[in-house]
Amino acid sequence: MSKPPLNPRYRLFFTNDCINQQCSSLSHLQRRWMTSSKRVQDRSRFKRVHDLEIAAEKHKVMSKILHLFEILKGEPENIVPLRSLDKHRKQINLPKPNKFSDFLRKAPKVFEMYKDSRGIIWCGMTPKAEELVREEEEIIEKNGAQAAEYVTRMLMMAADKRLRLDKVAHFRRDLGFPMDFRKNWVHNYPENFKVVQPFKPFDDTEYLELVSWNPKWAITELEKTVLGVIEGQDCSNHVPGLLALPFPLKFPVTYKKLYRDGGKIAHFQKREYLSPYADGTGLQAGSLEFDKRAVAIMHELLSFSIEKRLVTDYFTHFRREFNMPQKLMRLLLKHCGIFYVSDRGRRFSAFLNEAYDRSELIQKHPLVVWREKVLSQVGFRGKKKRIETSADISDLDDKALVGSDSEDDDHMELQLGPDETMHSLEDASNVDGSEMDVEGVRGEYND
């Protein structure tokens, strides 16, 4: 005998109950997937650190300004036609439909524009900006010895005591190298490193090679902090080896897994690991000791950087040279008490949590102070004006940055008030998003 058909009322109840149960399971799996995902984009927004996102947004703006400074410094008279900036879009990271004229108007104390008798719009630096550029050059020159020390220590960490010169050049702004880093600067410290071509004539690639091992530099920044090593203290007898120093931890205030992962974190902190300056070629890839040494290397590189922040690609570039695992992003995301990864901008950035108090660095390098001074000049001052022509002006240095008659203003995405600067953005509450929007970062997480 066949079974009698199910009563429609019970069928409906049974179906709805299954749907509710499936939805509940799906919701649970979705929540679990969001919190356990290894991808930056898949993280829950409650795991983000709002203050460091603001710091990342400030860096985006400053990076564009630094690129423009370098373009203008490369011109004979420090001026360039506005139209010619379009070929630098990718370098400056100012994608269309954003307009350079709009971006320049947001920094009237730093950049200025004028129109010549032929109708060509030119842009250049204001006298204040030229003064700031000279100040930056003085700071870089003054701190050149420290930058050379960090380069030497990177070579000491490398397995072959040699790094590709073009890869080291990626750290130019992060470590405070001058623009002529590859042409002149690398030859100023022959006692530390030298430029070689070890694979010539088959390969003309230039490498930076360690000249002599310096034992007093073979001590990590973490060791200096924990052991209380002061600047100038004699560490010439130091021999790098096994370390058992815990990393400083600073978790996001919304991090909810401490109660569950506390044991794992404590175990990780107690585990011994090999110093970044010790030979790590004998470590087994994938072992816990291998991964922890990679964490120590990334911690050391971030400690070298001016802003305690680096593009995560830089770690990947040196994976082989520093004997680190392939999936470094998983380590960065896994140890969120040590590092914070921001996905703002074209590339991801890794921050050293311990170095920040909210969105501010605890100890500021002179170049960081200088960059903050530059950012303080960014913002509108009064109403926009037309671009002055050569008939209106006699001296370029006396002209102020004004608006463009030839371009519409429909794409102005961020307009600051008469008394606003980049610093005052942090005290605002709602600002439209744009290439120079900092406060919008805070707003999008607090909705």
Protein backbone atom coordinates (compact mmCIF):
# COMPACT_ATOMS: atom_id res chain seq x y z
CA MET A 1 0.00 0.00 0.00
CA SER A 2 1.13 3.47 -0.84
CA LYS A 3 1.36 6.04 1.91
CA PRO A 4 -1.50 8.52 2.16
CA PRO A 5 -0.69 12.00 0.91
CA LEU A 6 0.52 14.46 3.52
CA ASN A 7 -2.06 16.93 4.75
CA PRO A 8 -1.36 20.29 3.01
CA ARG A 9 -1.46 22.06 6.40
CA TYR A 10 1.27 19.80 7.78
CA ARG A 11 3.18 19.94 4.52
CA LEU A 12 3.24 23.73 4.72
CA PHE A 13 4.30 23.65 8.37
CA PHE A 14 7.00 21.09 7.63
CA THR A 15 8.30 23.07 4.67
CA ASN A 16 8.40 26.37 6.53
CA ASP A 17 10.15 24.71 9.49
CA CYS A 18 12.83 23.31 7.15
CA ILE A 19 13.27 26.67 5.49
CA ASN A 20 13.68 28.42 8.84
CA GLN A 21 16.18 25.80 9.98
CA GLN A 22 18.12 26.06 6.73
CA CYS A 23 18.16 29.86 6.88
CA SER A 24 19.35 29.71 10.47
CA SER A 25 22.15 27.32 9.49
CA LEU A 26 23.02 29.46 6.50
CA SER A 27 23.15 32.58 8.67
CA HIS A 28 25.40 30.76 11.14
CA LEU A 29 27.70 29.56 8.36
CA GLN A 30 27.74 33.01 6.81
CA ARG A 31 28.70 34.63 10.11
CA ARG A 32 31.35 31.97 10.65
CA TRP A 33 32.70 32.46 7.13
CA MET A 34 32.91 36.22 7.58
CA THR A 35 34.89 35.96 10.79
CA SER A 36 37.18 33.14 9.72
CA SER A 37 37.91 34.30 6.17
CA LYS A 38 41.54 34.92 5.28
CA ARG A 39 40.71 37.62 2.72
CA VAL A 40 40.81 41.26 3.76
CA GLN A 41 37.66 42.16 1.83
CA ASP A 42 35.66 39.40 3.57
CA ARG A 43 36.27 40.58 7.11
CA SER A 44 33.39 41.85 9.15
CA ARG A 45 33.28 45.62 9.32
CA PHE A 46 33.24 45.33 13.12
CA LYS A 47 36.82 44.03 12.97
CA ARG A 48 38.11 47.19 11.32
CA VAL A 49 40.13 49.77 13.23
CA HIS A 50 38.55 53.08 12.37
CA ASP A 51 41.47 55.17 13.55
CA LEU A 52 43.97 53.31 11.39
CA GLU A 53 41.63 53.57 8.40
CA ILE A 54 41.81 57.34 8.87
CA ALA A 55 45.61 57.10 8.96
CA ALA A 56 45.49 55.06 5.73
CA GLU A 57 43.32 57.69 4.06
CA LYS A 58 45.71 60.45 5.07
CA HIS A 59 48.54 58.44 3.56
CA LYS A 60 46.64 58.18 0.27
CA VAL A 61 46.35 61.97 0.06
CA MET A 62 49.97 62.53 1.08
CA SER A 63 51.19 60.00 -1.47
CA LYS A 64 49.52 61.94 -4.28
CA ILE A 65 51.05 65.21 -3.09
CA LEU A 66 54.52 63.67 -2.87
CA HIS A 67 54.20 62.31 -6.41
CA LEU A 68 53.23 65.76 -7.69
CA PHE A 69 56.14 67.34 -5.82
CA GLU A 70 58.56 64.94 -7.50
CA ILE A 71 57.08 65.54 -10.96
CA LEU A 72 57.39 69.30 -10.55
CA LYS A 73 60.89 69.05 -9.09
CA GLY A 74 61.95 67.17 -12.21
CA GLU A 75 60.99 70.10 -14.45
CA PRO A 76 63.53 72.87 -15.21
CA GLU A 77 61.33 75.65 -13.81
CA ASN A 78 59.23 73.47 -11.48
CA ILE A 79 56.13 74.01 -13.62
CA VAL A 80 54.31 71.67 -15.98
CA PRO A 81 51.27 71.94 -18.29
CA LEU A 82 48.18 70.65 -16.52
CA ARG A 83 47.35 68.45 -19.50
CA SER A 84 50.68 66.62 -19.27
CA LEU A 85 49.82 65.35 -15.78
CA ASP A 86 47.35 62.96 -17.36
CA LYS A 87 50.16 60.54 -18.26
CA HIS A 88 51.00 60.26 -14.55
CA ARG A 89 47.51 59.16 -13.46
CA LYS A 90 48.54 55.60 -12.69
CA GLN A 91 51.63 56.72 -10.80
CA ILE A 92 49.71 59.30 -8.77
CA ASN A 93 46.71 56.96 -8.41
CA LEU A 94 44.13 59.51 -9.50
CA PRO A 95 41.76 57.53 -11.74
CA LYS A 96 39.21 59.08 -14.05
CA PRO A 97 36.79 60.82 -13.82
CA ASN A 98 38.75 62.69 -11.11
CA LYS A 99 40.36 65.83 -12.52
CA PHE A 100 43.80 67.11 -11.67
CA SER A 101 42.45 70.66 -11.55
CA ASP A 102 39.98 69.60 -8.86
CA PHE A 103 42.71 67.91 -6.85
CA LEU A 104 45.05 70.89 -7.11
CA ARG A 105 42.31 73.30 -6.01
CA LYS A 106 42.06 71.42 -2.75
CA ALA A 107 45.62 72.42 -1.91
CA PRO A 108 45.74 76.15 -2.79
CA LYS A 109 48.60 76.82 -0.39
CA VAL A 110 50.70 74.09 -1.97
CA PHE A 111 49.87 74.14 -5.71
CA GLU A 112 48.98 76.99 -8.04
CA MET A 113 47.68 77.20 -11.61
CA TYR A 114 47.67 79.90 -14.26
CA LYS A 115 46.75 80.27 -17.94
CA ASP A 116 49.22 81.68 -20.42
CA SER A 117 48.47 83.85 -23.46
CA ARG A 118 47.89 80.76 -25.59
CA GLY A 119 45.26 79.43 -23.20
CA ILE A 120 47.46 76.62 -21.83
CA ILE A 121 46.97 75.95 -18.12
CA TRP A 122 50.18 75.46 -16.14
CA CYS A 123 50.60 74.25 -12.59
CA GLY A 124 53.45 74.63 -10.16
CA MET A 125 54.34 74.89 -6.50
CA THR A 126 53.63 77.92 -4.37
CA PRO A 127 56.52 79.64 -2.57
CA LYS A 128 55.34 77.92 0.61
CA ALA A 129 55.53 74.52 -1.11
CA GLU A 130 59.01 75.22 -2.45
CA GLU A 131 60.08 76.06 1.08
CA LEU A 132 58.58 72.79 2.34
CA VAL A 133 60.38 70.81 -0.38
CA ARG A 134 63.71 72.31 0.64
CA GLU A 135 62.93 71.44 4.24
CA GLU A 136 62.22 67.82 3.26
CA GLU A 137 65.55 67.56 1.46
CA GLU A 138 67.34 68.82 4.57
CA ILE A 139 65.55 66.28 6.78
CA ILE A 140 66.39 63.40 4.41
CA GLU A 141 70.03 64.42 4.30
CA LYS A 142 70.20 64.78 8.07
CA ASN A 143 68.74 61.30 8.63
CA GLY A 144 70.71 59.59 5.86
CA ALA A 145 72.89 57.63 8.28
CA GLN A 146 69.84 56.04 9.93
CA ALA A 147 68.37 55.10 6.55
CA ALA A 148 71.70 53.52 5.60
CA GLU A 149 71.62 51.50 8.83
CA TYR A 150 68.18 50.14 7.99
CA VAL A 151 69.28 49.16 4.48
CA THR A 152 72.32 47.41 5.96
CA ARG A 153 70.15 45.53 8.43
CA MET A 154 67.85 44.43 5.61
CA LEU A 155 70.89 43.01 3.83
CA MET A 156 71.94 41.29 7.05
CA MET A 157 68.52 39.59 7.23
CA ALA A 158 68.69 38.42 3.60
CA ALA A 159 69.71 34.80 3.07
CA ASP A 160 72.36 35.70 0.46
CA LYS A 161 73.20 39.07 2.08
CA ARG A 162 72.15 40.58 -1.21
CA LEU A 163 68.94 42.28 -2.45
CA ARG A 164 67.86 43.54 -5.84
CA LEU A 165 68.40 47.27 -6.05
CA ASP A 166 65.05 47.95 -7.69
CA LYS A 167 63.28 46.13 -4.85
CA VAL A 168 65.07 48.17 -2.20
CA ALA A 169 64.10 51.31 -4.13
CA HIS A 170 60.46 50.51 -3.36
CA PHE A 171 61.19 51.56 0.22
CA ARG A 172 62.39 55.02 -0.82
CA ARG A 173 59.57 57.03 0.73
CA ASP A 174 59.03 54.56 3.56
CA LEU A 175 62.63 54.70 4.79
CA GLY A 176 63.41 58.28 3.77
CA PHE A 177 65.70 57.88 0.76
CA PRO A 178 66.35 60.86 -1.56
CA MET A 179 65.18 60.92 -5.19
CA ASP A 180 68.69 60.08 -6.42
CA PHE A 181 68.74 56.88 -4.35
CA ARG A 182 69.79 54.58 -7.18
CA LYS A 183 72.11 57.01 -8.93
CA ASN A 184 74.08 58.55 -6.08
CA TRP A 185 72.87 57.73 -2.57
CA VAL A 186 73.69 54.01 -2.62
CA HIS A 187 77.33 54.87 -3.33
CA ASN A 188 77.65 57.16 -0.29
CA TYR A 189 78.08 54.30 2.22
CA PRO A 190 80.75 51.98 0.74
CA GLU A 191 81.59 50.66 4.21
CA ASN A 192 78.07 49.20 4.49
CA PHE A 193 76.99 48.04 1.03
CA LYS A 194 77.87 48.20 -2.64
CA VAL A 195 76.13 47.82 -6.01
CA VAL A 196 77.05 44.61 -7.86
CA GLN A 197 75.98 42.67 -10.96
CA PRO A 198 76.76 39.08 -9.93
CA PHE A 199 75.10 37.41 -12.92
CA LYS A 200 76.58 39.50 -15.70
CA PRO A 201 76.77 39.05 -18.71
CA PHE A 202 73.71 36.77 -18.58
CA ASP A 203 71.76 39.22 -16.41
CA ASP A 204 72.46 42.94 -15.99
CA THR A 205 70.25 43.28 -12.90
CA GLU A 206 71.86 45.37 -10.18
CA TYR A 207 71.97 44.13 -6.61
CA LEU A 208 72.84 45.78 -3.33
CA GLU A 209 75.30 43.58 -1.46
CA LEU A 210 76.44 43.65 2.16
CA VAL A 211 80.08 44.68 2.56
CA SER A 212 80.64 43.83 6.21
CA TRP A 213 78.56 42.31 9.01
CA ASN A 214 77.90 44.73 11.86
CA PRO A 215 77.14 42.76 15.07
CA LYS A 216 75.79 45.79 16.93
CA TRP A 217 73.04 46.09 14.33
CA ALA A 218 72.07 42.40 14.52
CA ILE A 219 69.55 43.10 17.27
CA THR A 220 65.87 43.57 16.56
CA GLU A 221 63.87 46.66 17.46
CA LEU A 222 61.73 44.46 19.70
CA GLU A 223 64.83 43.30 21.60
CA LYS A 224 65.90 46.91 22.06
CA THR A 225 62.51 47.79 23.52
CA VAL A 226 62.16 44.78 25.82
CA LEU A 227 65.78 44.75 26.99
CA GLY A 228 65.97 48.51 27.34
CA VAL A 229 68.80 49.01 24.88
CA ILE A 230 69.42 52.73 24.50
CA GLU A 231 70.87 54.50 21.48
CA GLY A 232 74.64 54.37 21.44
CA GLN A 233 74.86 51.37 23.78
CA ASP A 234 77.59 48.91 22.82
CA CYS A 235 76.05 45.73 21.37
CA SER A 236 79.13 44.59 19.44
CA ASN A 237 79.17 41.24 21.28
CA HIS A 238 75.56 40.42 20.45
CA VAL A 239 75.03 37.13 18.63
CA PRO A 240 71.57 36.58 17.06
CA GLY A 241 69.90 33.30 17.94
CA LEU A 242 66.73 31.95 19.53
CA LEU A 243 64.35 34.55 20.99
CA ALA A 244 61.45 34.12 23.40
CA LEU A 245 60.23 37.70 23.47
CA PRO A 246 56.45 38.27 23.30
CA PHE A 247 55.16 40.70 20.73
CA PRO A 248 53.21 43.73 21.99
CA LEU A 249 49.52 43.15 21.30
CA LYS A 250 46.82 45.73 20.65
CA PHE A 251 43.51 44.28 19.48
CA PRO A 252 40.60 46.20 17.97
CA VAL A 253 38.05 47.21 20.60
CA THR A 254 35.39 45.24 18.70
CA TYR A 255 37.43 42.04 18.59
CA LYS A 256 35.22 39.35 20.17
CA LYS A 257 37.37 36.22 19.92
CA LEU A 258 39.84 36.84 22.71
CA TYR A 259 37.97 34.57 25.10
CA ARG A 260 38.14 31.73 22.58
CA ASP A 261 41.64 32.31 21.16
CA GLY A 262 43.34 33.41 24.37
CA GLY A 263 45.06 30.06 24.80
CA LYS A 264 46.37 30.02 21.24
CA ILE A 265 47.64 33.58 21.55
CA ALA A 266 49.42 32.80 24.81
CA HIS A 267 50.99 29.71 23.28
CA PHE A 268 52.19 31.71 20.28
CA GLN A 269 53.68 34.39 22.51
CA LYS A 270 55.66 31.82 24.55
CA ARG A 271 56.99 29.92 21.55
CA GLU A 272 60.68 30.45 20.80
CA TYR A 273 61.68 31.66 17.37
CA LEU A 274 64.85 32.36 15.44
CA SER A 275 66.03 35.98 15.20
CA PRO A 276 65.56 37.59 11.78
CA TYR A 277 69.32 38.15 11.75
CA ALA A 278 70.11 34.48 12.34
CA ASP A 279 70.38 31.95 9.52
CA GLY A 280 66.89 30.57 8.95
CA THR A 281 67.55 28.36 5.93
CA GLY A 282 67.37 25.23 8.11
CA LEU A 283 63.81 25.88 9.27
CA GLN A 284 61.12 23.66 7.82
CA ALA A 285 58.62 25.57 5.69
CA GLY A 286 55.16 25.48 7.25
CA SER A 287 56.38 24.81 10.78
CA LEU A 288 55.26 27.01 13.66
CA GLU A 289 58.80 28.27 14.18
CA PHE A 290 59.07 29.11 10.48
CA ASP A 291 55.88 31.17 10.59
CA LYS A 292 56.79 32.98 13.78
CA ARG A 293 60.16 34.01 12.38
CA ALA A 294 58.28 35.44 9.37
CA VAL A 295 56.13 37.45 11.80
CA ALA A 296 59.34 38.72 13.43
CA ILE A 297 60.78 39.75 10.05
CA MET A 298 57.65 41.69 9.08
CA HIS A 299 57.62 43.29 12.53
CA GLU A 300 61.24 44.37 12.01
CA LEU A 301 60.59 45.81 8.53
CA LEU A 302 57.59 47.76 9.81
CA SER A 303 59.70 49.08 12.67
CA PHE A 304 62.19 50.44 10.12
CA SER A 305 59.53 52.35 8.21
CA ILE A 306 58.89 56.02 8.90
CA GLU A 307 55.14 55.63 9.38
CA LYS A 308 55.25 52.05 10.75
CA ARG A 309 53.19 51.16 7.71
CA LEU A 310 54.15 49.35 4.52
CA VAL A 311 52.40 48.13 1.40
CA THR A 312 51.89 44.39 1.85
CA ASP A 313 53.32 43.75 -1.63
CA TYR A 314 56.74 44.71 -0.30
CA PHE A 315 56.72 41.70 2.01
CA THR A 316 55.85 39.45 -0.93
CA HIS A 317 58.67 40.92 -3.01
CA PHE A 318 61.20 39.79 -0.40
CA ARG A 319 59.63 36.43 0.42
CA ARG A 320 62.46 34.40 -1.09
CA GLU A 321 65.28 36.66 0.09
CA PHE A 322 64.06 36.59 3.70
CA ASN A 323 62.96 32.94 3.60
CA MET A 324 59.30 33.62 4.41
CA PRO A 325 56.17 31.58 3.58
CA GLN A 326 54.11 32.16 0.45
CA LYS A 327 50.83 33.13 2.13
CA LEU A 328 52.02 36.13 4.13
CA MET A 329 48.62 37.80 4.09
CA ARG A 330 47.21 34.95 6.20
CA LEU A 331 49.86 35.61 8.82
CA LEU A 332 49.11 39.33 8.81
CA LEU A 333 45.38 38.74 9.25
CA LYS A 334 45.83 35.92 11.75
CA HIS A 335 47.95 38.05 14.08
CA CYS A 336 45.61 41.03 14.18
CA GLY A 337 46.91 42.00 17.62
CA ILE A 338 50.34 42.71 16.08
CA PHE A 339 49.38 43.95 12.61
CA TYR A 340 46.43 45.69 11.04
CA VAL A 341 45.75 45.37 7.31
CA SER A 342 43.84 48.14 5.55
CA ASP A 343 42.34 47.54 2.12
CA ARG A 344 42.01 51.23 1.34
CA GLY A 345 43.63 52.41 -1.83
CA ARG A 346 44.97 50.53 -4.81
CA ARG A 347 47.07 48.19 -2.64
CA PHE A 348 46.75 46.81 0.87
CA SER A 349 48.75 48.36 3.70
CA ALA A 350 49.97 46.75 6.92
CA PHE A 351 50.24 48.79 10.12
CA LEU A 352 52.21 48.02 13.27
CA ASN A 353 49.54 48.30 15.96
CA GLU A 354 51.86 49.05 18.87
CA ALA A 355 53.23 52.16 17.13
CA TYR A 356 49.86 53.94 17.04
CA ASP A 357 47.69 55.70 19.58
CA ARG A 358 44.36 55.94 17.77
CA SER A 359 45.26 57.43 14.36
CA GLU A 360 48.49 59.09 15.51
CA LEU A 361 51.99 57.69 15.68
CA ILE A 362 53.37 57.56 19.21
CA GLN A 363 56.92 58.39 18.12
CA LYS A 364 57.11 60.56 15.02
CA HIS A 365 60.03 60.60 12.63
CA PRO A 366 60.98 64.13 11.46
CA LEU A 367 59.63 63.28 8.02
CA VAL A 368 56.26 62.37 9.57
CA VAL A 369 56.16 65.77 11.27
CA TRP A 370 57.02 67.36 7.91
CA ARG A 371 54.24 65.45 6.13
CA GLU A 372 51.73 66.55 8.73
CA LYS A 373 52.82 70.11 8.09
CA VAL A 374 52.15 69.62 4.37
CA LEU A 375 48.72 68.09 5.05
CA SER A 376 47.85 71.06 7.25
CA GLN A 377 48.05 73.22 4.12
CA VAL A 378 45.48 71.13 2.23
CA GLY A 379 42.00 72.63 2.08
CA PHE A 380 39.97 75.44 0.58
CA ARG A 381 40.55 79.04 1.64
CA GLY A 382 37.58 81.15 0.66
CA LYS A 383 35.78 81.05 -2.67
CA LYS A 384 37.15 79.59 -5.85
CA LYS A 385 38.42 82.11 -8.39
CA ARG A 386 39.10 81.97 -12.09
CA ILE A 387 42.53 80.96 -13.38
CA GLU A 388 44.51 84.10 -13.98
CA THR A 389 46.06 84.67 -17.40
CA SER A 390 49.44 86.00 -18.39
CA ALA A 391 47.83 89.40 -18.95
CA ASP A 392 46.73 89.56 -15.33
CA ILE A 393 50.06 88.63 -13.75
CA SER A 394 53.72 89.45 -14.15
CA ASP A 395 55.40 87.02 -11.79
CA LEU A 396 54.46 83.35 -11.37
CA ASP A 397 55.65 83.30 -7.75
CA ASP A 398 53.04 85.93 -6.83
CA LYS A 399 50.04 84.01 -8.18
CA ALA A 400 47.56 82.12 -6.02
CA LEU A 401 45.83 78.90 -7.00
CA VAL A 402 42.42 79.61 -8.46
CA GLY A 403 39.64 77.80 -10.30
CA SER A 404 39.51 76.82 -13.96
CA ASP A 405 37.20 78.42 -16.53
CA SER A 406 37.71 75.61 -19.01
CA GLU A 407 36.56 72.75 -16.80
CA ASP A 408 33.23 72.33 -15.10
CA ASP A 409 33.03 71.82 -11.35
CA ASP A 410 30.47 69.06 -11.29
CA HIS A 411 33.01 66.51 -10.07
CA MET A 412 34.22 68.37 -7.01
CA GLU A 413 33.76 65.62 -4.44
CA LEU A 414 35.06 67.30 -1.31
CA GLN A 415 34.73 70.97 -0.48
CA LEU A 416 36.22 72.25 2.74
CA GLY A 417 34.92 75.29 4.49
CA PRO A 418 36.76 78.61 4.80
CA ASP A 419 38.46 77.54 8.03
CA GLU A 420 38.95 73.84 7.37
CA THR A 421 42.18 71.91 6.79
CA MET A 422 43.08 68.25 6.75
CA HIS A 423 43.48 68.30 10.53
CA SER A 424 40.01 69.73 11.10
CA LEU A 425 38.49 66.92 9.06
CA GLU A 426 38.96 64.58 12.01
CA ASP A 427 36.55 66.62 14.09
CA ALA A 428 33.79 66.68 11.46
CA SER A 429 31.02 64.16 11.19
CA ASN A 430 29.73 63.87 7.61
CA VAL A 431 31.78 64.69 4.53
CA ASP A 432 31.19 63.42 1.01
CA GLY A 433 33.71 60.78 -0.11
CA SER A 434 36.53 61.79 -2.44
CA GLU A 435 40.21 61.41 -3.13
CA MET A 436 40.92 63.77 -0.25
CA ASP A 437 38.19 62.60 2.12
CA VAL A 438 39.50 61.53 5.50
CA GLU A 439 36.48 61.95 7.72
CA GLY A 440 34.38 59.90 5.33
CA VAL A 441 36.37 56.92 6.51
CA ARG A 442 35.13 57.39 10.05
CA GLY A 443 31.56 58.02 8.92
CA GLU A 444 31.19 54.89 6.81
CA TYR A 445 31.92 52.65 9.83
CA ASN A 446 29.76 54.55 12.28
CA ASP A 447 26.56 54.48 10.28
